[in-house]
Amino acid sequence: MLTGASWEFSATPDQWLTPLLDKACYRVDAMNTGRTAVGPTDYGVVRKALVAALPKGPSFAYTKAGSDESARVALLEDAGFHVVEAFIQYAKAIAPGGVGSTDAPDSIGCRMVSADLMHREAVTSLAGKGFVHSRFHRDPNISVARAHMVKAAWAANYFEGRRGEGMDVALVDGAVAGFLLLLRRGGDLVVDLIAVDGKFRRRGIAKALIGHAWLSRPGVERVVAGTQVSNLAAMAMYQNLGFVPVASGFSLHRHGE
C-alpha cells in the first residue's frame, strides 16, 4: 500500500479473473481517507503514489468510485483508468416474516438449487449469453466472447462452491428460463447475478425469481440489487417491485501495456 497526502492506494491480485482475461488482473483500492480535496500543490504527489501502486506490464486493473467522488474519478482517469459503466444500487426492505408476493404466473416454477450438477450446464450456458450490459461487455478492450466467458465462469463458481450462498432457478415446461445467484450479508440478501433466457423475457421471470428468493429464506430484512444505468429494463423492474435507489457510482478499468 502506498500513501499520498490523505489518499491510500493498493492493488490486490485477482487470481480468479487472471486466467479468464489471460493477463494479470488486480483490484485497485483508491481511498481518500481524509475526504479532502486534492489541491494543485499535492496533486502530483497523489498521482505519483497511485501510479506507483499500479501493476506494471501487461495487466488489467479495476476499481469503483461513487457518483459523488468526482476527484477520485479524475485522478483514476489521469492514471490510465477509463469509466466503463455507471451503476445504480437498489434496496427493498422486507417486512418481518418475509411477507411479500411473487405474483408469478402458474407456468413459472421457482426452486432453490443445491450446488450439484443438475442445473449447471443450463445455468452456465445462459450466463454465457444472457448479458450485454456488464462492465466486461461495456469495455471496448474486452471481446464479447471473452466477456461471455467471464459471466459463464462466474455462474459456475456456485456449483464449484467458490461463490454464492444460494441459487434459484425458474423453470418453464421443465426448461431453465432464468437463474438468480445470491449472497448473504447479515440481514441483506444480495442479487449477485440474475439472467433470463431471451425466449422467456417479458413473462415475469426475473420478478418471480426475486420474490421467491426472499420468501423462501428466513431472516431476510432487505434485498439489495445493482444494475447498470444503461439497463433500462432492469431499472424499471426493480422500481416496479418497490426497490428504491440507495447508491450509485462508476466502474473503471485500466489495461496495462
C-alpha atoms as a PDB file:
ATOM      1  CA  MET A   1       0.000   0.000   0.000  1.00  0.00           C
ATOM      2  CA  LEU A   2       1.270   3.457  -0.909  1.00  0.00           C
ATOM      3  CA  THR A   3       0.060   6.740   0.504  1.00  0.00           C
ATOM      4  CA  GLY A   4      -0.095  10.223  -0.981  1.00  0.00           C
ATOM      5  CA  ALA A   5      -1.473  13.142   1.053  1.00  0.00           C
ATOM      6  CA  SER A   6      -4.716  11.775   2.578  1.00  0.00           C
ATOM      7  CA  TRP A   7      -5.071   9.098  -0.124  1.00  0.00           C
ATOM      8  CA  GLU A   8      -4.224   5.409   0.148  1.00  0.00           C
ATOM      9  CA  PHE A   9      -3.717   3.055  -2.811  1.00  0.00           C
ATOM     10  CA  SER A  10      -3.336  -0.699  -3.084  1.00  0.00           C
ATOM     11  CA  ALA A  11      -3.523  -3.343  -5.825  1.00  0.00           C
ATOM     12  CA  THR A  12      -4.730  -6.828  -4.867  1.00  0.00           C
ATOM     13  CA  PRO A  13      -4.210  -9.719  -7.329  1.00  0.00           C
ATOM     14  CA  ASP A  14      -7.420 -11.293  -8.644  1.00  0.00           C
ATOM     15  CA  GLN A  15      -6.419 -14.920  -9.060  1.00  0.00           C
ATOM     16  CA  TRP A  16      -9.840 -15.947 -10.365  1.00  0.00           C
ATOM     17  CA  LEU A  17     -10.086 -13.366 -13.150  1.00  0.00           C
ATOM     18  CA  THR A  18      -6.458 -13.635 -14.335  1.00  0.00           C
ATOM     19  CA  PRO A  19      -6.796 -16.840 -16.434  1.00  0.00           C
ATOM     20  CA  LEU A  20     -10.133 -15.693 -17.862  1.00  0.00           C
ATOM     21  CA  LEU A  21      -8.673 -12.471 -19.270  1.00  0.00           C
ATOM     22  CA  ASP A  22      -5.315 -14.090 -19.973  1.00  0.00           C
ATOM     23  CA  LYS A  23      -3.377 -11.345 -18.204  1.00  0.00           C
ATOM     24  CA  ALA A  24      -2.532 -10.427 -14.621  1.00  0.00           C
ATOM     25  CA  CYS A  25      -5.644  -8.896 -13.016  1.00  0.00           C
ATOM     26  CA  TYR A  26      -5.885  -6.674  -9.950  1.00  0.00           C
ATOM     27  CA  ARG A  27      -8.495  -4.947  -7.850  1.00  0.00           C
ATOM     28  CA  VAL A  28      -7.311  -1.439  -7.086  1.00  0.00           C
ATOM     29  CA  ASP A  29      -8.474   0.424  -3.998  1.00  0.00           C
ATOM     30  CA  ALA A  30      -8.009   4.185  -4.100  1.00  0.00           C
ATOM     31  CA  MET A  31      -9.391   5.787  -0.963  1.00  0.00           C
ATOM     32  CA  ASN A  32      -9.438   9.413   0.113  1.00  0.00           C
ATOM     33  CA  THR A  33      -9.101   8.700   3.824  1.00  0.00           C
ATOM     34  CA  GLY A  34      -9.272  12.345   4.809  1.00  0.00           C
ATOM     35  CA  ARG A  35     -12.130  13.157   2.414  1.00  0.00           C
ATOM     36  CA  THR A  36     -10.172  16.268   1.460  1.00  0.00           C
ATOM     37  CA  ALA A  37      -9.834  17.761  -1.977  1.00  0.00           C
ATOM     38  CA  VAL A  38      -6.572  17.397  -3.864  1.00  0.00           C
ATOM     39  CA  GLY A  39      -5.064  20.833  -4.375  1.00  0.00           C
ATOM     40  CA  PRO A  40      -2.645  21.825  -7.146  1.00  0.00           C
ATOM     41  CA  THR A  41       0.352  21.594  -4.813  1.00  0.00           C
ATOM     42  CA  ASP A  42      -0.193  17.956  -3.820  1.00  0.00           C
ATOM     43  CA  TYR A  43      -1.946  16.542  -6.909  1.00  0.00           C
ATOM     44  CA  GLY A  44       1.368  15.427  -8.386  1.00  0.00           C
ATOM     45  CA  VAL A  45       2.276  13.626  -5.158  1.00  0.00           C
ATOM     46  CA  VAL A  46      -1.060  11.824  -5.042  1.00  0.00           C
ATOM     47  CA  ARG A  47      -0.924  10.831  -8.715  1.00  0.00           C
ATOM     48  CA  LYS A  48       2.640   9.558  -8.324  1.00  0.00           C
ATOM     49  CA  ALA A  49       1.598   7.380  -5.381  1.00  0.00           C
ATOM     50  CA  LEU A  50      -1.307   5.947  -7.366  1.00  0.00           C
ATOM     51  CA  VAL A  51       0.806   5.174 -10.434  1.00  0.00           C
ATOM     52  CA  ALA A  52       3.463   3.536  -8.240  1.00  0.00           C
ATOM     53  CA  ALA A  53       0.822   1.225  -6.734  1.00  0.00           C
ATOM     54  CA  LEU A  54      -0.449   0.080 -10.144  1.00  0.00           C
ATOM     55  CA  PRO A  55       0.758  -3.182 -11.724  1.00  0.00           C
ATOM     56  CA  LYS A  56       3.461  -2.993 -14.367  1.00  0.00           C
ATOM     57  CA  GLY A  57       3.492  -4.695 -17.757  1.00  0.00           C
ATOM     58  CA  PRO A  58       0.545  -6.482 -19.429  1.00  0.00           C
ATOM     59  CA  SER A  59      -2.230  -6.287 -16.855  1.00  0.00           C
ATOM     60  CA  PHE A  60      -5.846  -5.463 -16.139  1.00  0.00           C
ATOM     61  CA  ALA A  61      -6.952  -3.403 -13.135  1.00  0.00           C
ATOM     62  CA  TYR A  62     -10.429  -2.466 -11.990  1.00  0.00           C
ATOM     63  CA  THR A  63     -11.940  -0.256  -9.320  1.00  0.00           C
ATOM     64  CA  LYS A  64     -15.103   1.629  -8.414  1.00  0.00           C
ATOM     65  CA  ALA A  65     -15.929   5.173  -7.392  1.00  0.00           C
ATOM     66  CA  GLY A  66     -19.088   6.764  -6.048  1.00  0.00           C
ATOM     67  CA  SER A  67     -21.001   9.166  -8.257  1.00  0.00           C
ATOM     68  CA  ASP A  68     -20.164  11.923  -5.755  1.00  0.00           C
ATOM     69  CA  GLU A  69     -16.415  11.229  -5.947  1.00  0.00           C
ATOM     70  CA  SER A  70     -15.502  13.312  -8.969  1.00  0.00           C
ATOM     71  CA  ALA A  71     -11.988  13.966  -7.614  1.00  0.00           C
ATOM     72  CA  ARG A  72     -11.274  10.255  -7.353  1.00  0.00           C
ATOM     73  CA  VAL A  73     -12.661   9.604 -10.850  1.00  0.00           C
ATOM     74  CA  ALA A  74     -10.482  12.374 -12.305  1.00  0.00           C
ATOM     75  CA  LEU A  75      -7.412  11.031 -10.500  1.00  0.00           C
ATOM     76  CA  LEU A  76      -8.028   7.491 -11.737  1.00  0.00           C
ATOM     77  CA  GLU A  77      -8.630   8.630 -15.306  1.00  0.00           C
ATOM     78  CA  ASP A  78      -5.400  10.616 -15.191  1.00  0.00           C
ATOM     79  CA  ALA A  79      -3.619   7.380 -14.203  1.00  0.00           C
ATOM     80  CA  GLY A  80      -4.964   5.459 -17.206  1.00  0.00           C
ATOM     81  CA  PHE A  81      -8.343   4.170 -15.997  1.00  0.00           C
ATOM     82  CA  HIS A  82     -11.489   4.725 -18.017  1.00  0.00           C
ATOM     83  CA  VAL A  83     -15.135   4.591 -16.998  1.00  0.00           C
ATOM     84  CA  VAL A  84     -16.837   1.537 -18.489  1.00  0.00           C
ATOM     85  CA  GLU A  85     -20.194   1.736 -16.743  1.00  0.00           C
ATOM     86  CA  ALA A  86     -22.341   3.803 -14.450  1.00  0.00           C
ATOM     87  CA  PHE A  87     -24.241   1.660 -11.965  1.00  0.00           C
ATOM     88  CA  ILE A  88     -27.059   2.123  -9.510  1.00  0.00           C
ATOM     89  CA  GLN A  89     -27.782   0.073  -6.402  1.00  0.00           C
ATOM     90  CA  TYR A  90     -31.321  -0.585  -5.193  1.00  0.00           C
ATOM     91  CA  ALA A  91     -32.693  -1.953  -1.933  1.00  0.00           C
ATOM     92  CA  LYS A  92     -36.082  -3.168  -0.733  1.00  0.00           C
ATOM     93  CA  ALA A  93     -36.954  -3.585   2.933  1.00  0.00           C
ATOM     94  CA  ILE A  94     -38.775  -6.839   3.716  1.00  0.00           C
ATOM     95  CA  ALA A  95     -41.485  -6.977   6.362  1.00  0.00           C
ATOM     96  CA  PRO A  96     -40.860  -9.338   9.318  1.00  0.00           C
ATOM     97  CA  GLY A  97     -41.629 -12.914   8.359  1.00  0.00           C
ATOM     98  CA  GLY A  98     -40.732 -12.359   4.712  1.00  0.00           C
ATOM     99  CA  VAL A  99     -44.123 -11.022   3.737  1.00  0.00           C
ATOM    100  CA  GLY A 100     -44.263 -10.492   0.022  1.00  0.00           C
ATOM    101  CA  SER A 101     -45.642 -11.834  -3.234  1.00  0.00           C
ATOM    102  CA  THR A 102     -44.090 -13.017  -6.472  1.00  0.00           C
ATOM    103  CA  ASP A 103     -47.299 -12.602  -8.500  1.00  0.00           C
ATOM    104  CA  ALA A 104     -45.758 -15.222 -10.776  1.00  0.00           C
ATOM    105  CA  PRO A 105     -47.860 -16.979 -13.429  1.00  0.00           C
ATOM    106  CA  ASP A 106     -48.633 -20.627 -12.700  1.00  0.00           C
ATOM    107  CA  SER A 107     -46.478 -21.610 -15.672  1.00  0.00           C
ATOM    108  CA  ILE A 108     -43.334 -20.405 -13.857  1.00  0.00           C
ATOM    109  CA  GLY A 109     -41.917 -22.683 -11.206  1.00  0.00           C
ATOM    110  CA  CYS A 110     -39.093 -21.390  -8.997  1.00  0.00           C
ATOM    111  CA  ARG A 111     -36.924 -23.637  -6.898  1.00  0.00           C
ATOM    112  CA  MET A 112     -33.763 -23.427  -4.839  1.00  0.00           C
ATOM    113  CA  VAL A 113     -30.774 -25.177  -6.367  1.00  0.00           C
ATOM    114  CA  SER A 114     -28.256 -27.213  -4.435  1.00  0.00           C
ATOM    115  CA  ALA A 115     -24.626 -26.972  -5.506  1.00  0.00           C
ATOM    116  CA  ASP A 116     -24.739 -30.100  -7.651  1.00  0.00           C
ATOM    117  CA  LEU A 117     -24.544 -30.709 -11.386  1.00  0.00           C
ATOM    118  CA  MET A 118     -28.277 -30.953 -12.071  1.00  0.00           C
ATOM    119  CA  HIS A 119     -28.699 -27.433 -13.498  1.00  0.00           C
ATOM    120  CA  ARG A 120     -25.067 -26.480 -14.020  1.00  0.00           C
ATOM    121  CA  GLU A 121     -24.989 -26.836 -17.806  1.00  0.00           C
ATOM    122  CA  ALA A 122     -28.215 -24.892 -18.357  1.00  0.00           C
ATOM    123  CA  VAL A 123     -27.261 -22.119 -15.908  1.00  0.00           C
ATOM    124  CA  THR A 124     -23.726 -21.623 -17.205  1.00  0.00           C
ATOM    125  CA  SER A 125     -24.942 -21.697 -20.806  1.00  0.00           C
ATOM    126  CA  LEU A 126     -27.491 -18.996 -20.014  1.00  0.00           C
ATOM    127  CA  ALA A 127     -24.909 -16.918 -18.122  1.00  0.00           C
ATOM    128  CA  GLY A 128     -22.591 -17.186 -21.117  1.00  0.00           C
ATOM    129  CA  LYS A 129     -25.072 -15.492 -23.422  1.00  0.00           C
ATOM    130  CA  GLY A 130     -27.516 -13.605 -21.237  1.00  0.00           C
ATOM    131  CA  PHE A 131     -25.588 -10.387 -20.526  1.00  0.00           C
ATOM    132  CA  VAL A 132     -24.825  -7.330 -22.651  1.00  0.00           C
ATOM    133  CA  HIS A 133     -24.654  -4.522 -20.063  1.00  0.00           C
ATOM    134  CA  SER A 134     -21.983  -5.829 -17.672  1.00  0.00           C
ATOM    135  CA  ARG A 135     -18.750  -3.906 -17.165  1.00  0.00           C
ATOM    136  CA  PHE A 136     -16.904  -6.590 -19.119  1.00  0.00           C
ATOM    137  CA  HIS A 137     -19.291  -6.255 -22.061  1.00  0.00           C
ATOM    138  CA  ARG A 138     -19.059  -2.456 -21.954  1.00  0.00           C
ATOM    139  CA  ASP A 139     -15.253  -2.453 -22.082  1.00  0.00           C
ATOM    140  CA  PRO A 140     -14.115  -1.978 -25.715  1.00  0.00           C
ATOM    141  CA  ASN A 141     -10.802  -3.663 -24.866  1.00  0.00           C
ATOM    142  CA  ILE A 142     -12.529  -6.939 -23.919  1.00  0.00           C
ATOM    143  CA  SER A 143     -14.098  -9.031 -26.669  1.00  0.00           C
ATOM    144  CA  VAL A 144     -17.750 -10.011 -26.388  1.00  0.00           C
ATOM    145  CA  ALA A 145     -16.756 -13.687 -26.476  1.00  0.00           C
ATOM    146  CA  ARG A 146     -14.403 -13.228 -23.530  1.00  0.00           C
ATOM    147  CA  ALA A 147     -16.990 -11.182 -21.620  1.00  0.00           C
ATOM    148  CA  HIS A 148     -19.487 -14.024 -22.120  1.00  0.00           C
ATOM    149  CA  MET A 149     -16.867 -16.479 -20.840  1.00  0.00           C
ATOM    150  CA  VAL A 150     -16.339 -14.426 -17.673  1.00  0.00           C
ATOM    151  CA  LYS A 151     -20.055 -14.460 -16.870  1.00  0.00           C
ATOM    152  CA  ALA A 152     -20.366 -18.200 -17.550  1.00  0.00           C
ATOM    153  CA  ALA A 153     -17.448 -18.867 -15.197  1.00  0.00           C
ATOM    154  CA  TRP A 154     -18.984 -16.515 -12.616  1.00  0.00           C
ATOM    155  CA  ALA A 155     -22.166 -18.594 -12.513  1.00  0.00           C
ATOM    156  CA  ALA A 156     -20.173 -21.848 -12.492  1.00  0.00           C
ATOM    157  CA  ASN A 157     -18.466 -20.679  -9.295  1.00  0.00           C
ATOM    158  CA  TYR A 158     -21.622 -21.544  -7.369  1.00  0.00           C
ATOM    159  CA  PHE A 159     -21.516 -25.186  -8.438  1.00  0.00           C
ATOM    160  CA  GLU A 160     -17.815 -25.316  -7.532  1.00  0.00           C
ATOM    161  CA  GLY A 161     -18.505 -23.931  -4.061  1.00  0.00           C
ATOM    162  CA  ARG A 162     -16.487 -20.782  -4.744  1.00  0.00           C
ATOM    163  CA  ARG A 163     -19.138 -18.071  -4.671  1.00  0.00           C
ATOM    164  CA  GLY A 164     -22.714 -17.572  -3.546  1.00  0.00           C
ATOM    165  CA  GLU A 165     -24.828 -18.663  -0.600  1.00  0.00           C
ATOM    166  CA  GLY A 166     -27.771 -19.677  -2.744  1.00  0.00           C
ATOM    167  CA  MET A 167     -29.139 -20.029  -6.243  1.00  0.00           C
ATOM    168  CA  ASP A 168     -32.698 -20.180  -7.552  1.00  0.00           C
ATOM    169  CA  VAL A 169     -33.843 -21.224 -10.996  1.00  0.00           C
ATOM    170  CA  ALA A 170     -37.105 -20.535 -12.809  1.00  0.00           C
ATOM    171  CA  LEU A 171     -38.470 -23.452 -14.772  1.00  0.00           C
ATOM    172  CA  VAL A 172     -40.944 -23.246 -17.652  1.00  0.00           C
ATOM    173  CA  ASP A 173     -42.056 -26.622 -19.009  1.00  0.00           C
ATOM    174  CA  GLY A 174     -39.042 -28.169 -17.324  1.00  0.00           C
ATOM    175  CA  ALA A 175     -36.532 -25.837 -19.008  1.00  0.00           C
ATOM    176  CA  VAL A 176     -34.361 -23.334 -17.124  1.00  0.00           C
ATOM    177  CA  ALA A 177     -35.798 -19.965 -18.121  1.00  0.00           C
ATOM    178  CA  GLY A 178     -33.722 -17.912 -15.690  1.00  0.00           C
ATOM    179  CA  PHE A 179     -31.499 -18.078 -12.641  1.00  0.00           C
ATOM    180  CA  LEU A 180     -30.577 -15.944  -9.652  1.00  0.00           C
ATOM    181  CA  LEU A 181     -27.254 -16.191  -7.779  1.00  0.00           C
ATOM    182  CA  LEU A 182     -27.443 -14.856  -4.221  1.00  0.00           C
ATOM    183  CA  LEU A 183     -25.103 -13.628  -1.495  1.00  0.00           C
ATOM    184  CA  ARG A 184     -25.946 -13.133   2.182  1.00  0.00           C
ATOM    185  CA  ARG A 185     -24.610 -10.148   4.085  1.00  0.00           C
ATOM    186  CA  GLY A 186     -26.199 -10.391   7.513  1.00  0.00           C
ATOM    187  CA  GLY A 187     -29.849  -9.497   7.041  1.00  0.00           C
ATOM    188  CA  ASP A 188     -29.244  -8.466   3.435  1.00  0.00           C
ATOM    189  CA  LEU A 189     -29.977 -10.816   0.559  1.00  0.00           C
ATOM    190  CA  VAL A 190     -27.816  -9.605  -2.336  1.00  0.00           C
ATOM    191  CA  VAL A 191     -28.609 -10.248  -6.000  1.00  0.00           C
ATOM    192  CA  ASP A 192     -25.150 -11.205  -7.292  1.00  0.00           C
ATOM    193  CA  LEU A 193     -26.151 -12.352 -10.770  1.00  0.00           C
ATOM    194  CA  ILE A 194     -29.520 -12.666 -12.495  1.00  0.00           C
ATOM    195  CA  ALA A 195     -30.288 -13.663 -16.073  1.00  0.00           C
ATOM    196  CA  VAL A 196     -33.359 -14.626 -18.085  1.00  0.00           C
ATOM    197  CA  ASP A 197     -33.280 -16.565 -21.338  1.00  0.00           C
ATOM    198  CA  GLY A 198     -34.245 -14.346 -24.268  1.00  0.00           C
ATOM    199  CA  LYS A 199     -37.048 -16.757 -25.239  1.00  0.00           C
ATOM    200  CA  PHE A 200     -38.764 -16.149 -21.891  1.00  0.00           C
ATOM    201  CA  ARG A 201     -38.380 -12.430 -21.385  1.00  0.00           C
ATOM    202  CA  ARG A 202     -41.318 -10.152 -20.572  1.00  0.00           C
ATOM    203  CA  ARG A 203     -43.067 -13.018 -18.783  1.00  0.00           C
ATOM    204  CA  GLY A 204     -42.240 -12.042 -15.198  1.00  0.00           C
ATOM    205  CA  ILE A 205     -39.347 -14.484 -14.766  1.00  0.00           C
ATOM    206  CA  ALA A 206     -36.972 -12.054 -13.008  1.00  0.00           C
ATOM    207  CA  LYS A 207     -39.771 -10.781 -10.773  1.00  0.00           C
ATOM    208  CA  ALA A 208     -40.712 -14.343  -9.835  1.00  0.00           C
ATOM    209  CA  LEU A 209     -37.100 -15.231  -9.024  1.00  0.00           C
ATOM    210  CA  ILE A 210     -36.568 -12.220  -6.761  1.00  0.00           C
ATOM    211  CA  GLY A 211     -39.866 -12.738  -4.970  1.00  0.00           C
ATOM    212  CA  HIS A 212     -39.168 -16.428  -4.441  1.00  0.00           C
ATOM    213  CA  ALA A 213     -35.685 -15.648  -3.113  1.00  0.00           C
ATOM    214  CA  TRP A 214     -36.854 -13.645  -0.101  1.00  0.00           C
ATOM    215  CA  LEU A 215     -39.979 -15.697   0.533  1.00  0.00           C
ATOM    216  CA  SER A 216     -38.007 -18.934   0.761  1.00  0.00           C
ATOM    217  CA  ARG A 217     -35.230 -17.678   3.039  1.00  0.00           C
ATOM    218  CA  PRO A 218     -35.920 -16.743   6.661  1.00  0.00           C
ATOM    219  CA  GLY A 219     -34.316 -13.758   8.316  1.00  0.00           C
ATOM    220  CA  VAL A 220     -34.117 -11.553   5.232  1.00  0.00           C
ATOM    221  CA  GLU A 221     -34.506  -7.916   6.212  1.00  0.00           C
ATOM    222  CA  ARG A 222     -33.571  -6.348   2.906  1.00  0.00           C
ATOM    223  CA  VAL A 223     -32.977  -7.345  -0.703  1.00  0.00           C
ATOM    224  CA  VAL A 224     -30.147  -5.463  -2.415  1.00  0.00           C
ATOM    225  CA  ALA A 225     -29.515  -5.394  -6.153  1.00  0.00           C
ATOM    226  CA  GLY A 226     -27.430  -3.392  -8.566  1.00  0.00           C
ATOM    227  CA  THR A 227     -27.597  -2.784 -12.287  1.00  0.00           C
ATOM    228  CA  GLN A 228     -26.163  -0.550 -14.957  1.00  0.00           C
ATOM    229  CA  VAL A 229     -27.904   2.713 -15.830  1.00  0.00           C
ATOM    230  CA  SER A 230     -27.779   1.535 -19.451  1.00  0.00           C
ATOM    231  CA  ASN A 231     -30.017  -1.398 -18.497  1.00  0.00           C
ATOM    232  CA  LEU A 232     -33.312   0.471 -18.531  1.00  0.00           C
ATOM    233  CA  ALA A 233     -35.388  -2.719 -18.376  1.00  0.00           C
ATOM    234  CA  ALA A 234     -33.711  -3.856 -15.148  1.00  0.00           C
ATOM    235  CA  MET A 235     -34.072  -0.418 -13.571  1.00  0.00           C
ATOM    236  CA  ALA A 236     -37.776  -0.356 -14.402  1.00  0.00           C
ATOM    237  CA  MET A 237     -38.259  -3.850 -12.986  1.00  0.00           C
ATOM    238  CA  TYR A 238     -36.633  -3.024  -9.642  1.00  0.00           C
ATOM    239  CA  GLN A 239     -38.637   0.177  -9.335  1.00  0.00           C
ATOM    240  CA  ASN A 240     -41.872  -1.676 -10.132  1.00  0.00           C
ATOM    241  CA  LEU A 241     -41.026  -4.179  -7.392  1.00  0.00           C
ATOM    242  CA  GLY A 242     -40.734  -1.379  -4.846  1.00  0.00           C
ATOM    243  CA  PHE A 243     -36.951  -1.114  -4.729  1.00  0.00           C
ATOM    244  CA  VAL A 244     -35.503   2.340  -4.083  1.00  0.00           C
ATOM    245  CA  PRO A 245     -32.083   3.721  -5.114  1.00  0.00           C
ATOM    246  CA  VAL A 246     -29.528   3.733  -2.298  1.00  0.00           C
ATOM    247  CA  ALA A 247     -26.208   4.297  -4.096  1.00  0.00           C
ATOM    248  CA  SER A 248     -24.687   4.978  -7.485  1.00  0.00           C
ATOM    249  CA  GLY A 249     -21.244   5.124  -8.981  1.00  0.00           C
ATOM    250  CA  PHE A 250     -18.845   4.139 -11.731  1.00  0.00           C
ATOM    251  CA  SER A 251     -16.789   1.089 -12.621  1.00  0.00           C
ATOM    252  CA  LEU A 252     -13.370   1.886 -14.068  1.00  0.00           C
ATOM    253  CA  HIS A 253     -10.909  -0.340 -15.931  1.00  0.00           C
ATOM    254  CA  ARG A 254      -7.251   0.060 -16.803  1.00  0.00           C
ATOM    255  CA  HIS A 255      -5.428  -2.067 -19.356  1.00  0.00           C
ATOM    256  CA  GLY A 256      -1.661  -2.018 -18.849  1.00  0.00           C
ATOM    257  CA  GLU A 257       0.824  -2.264 -21.707  1.00  0.00           C
END
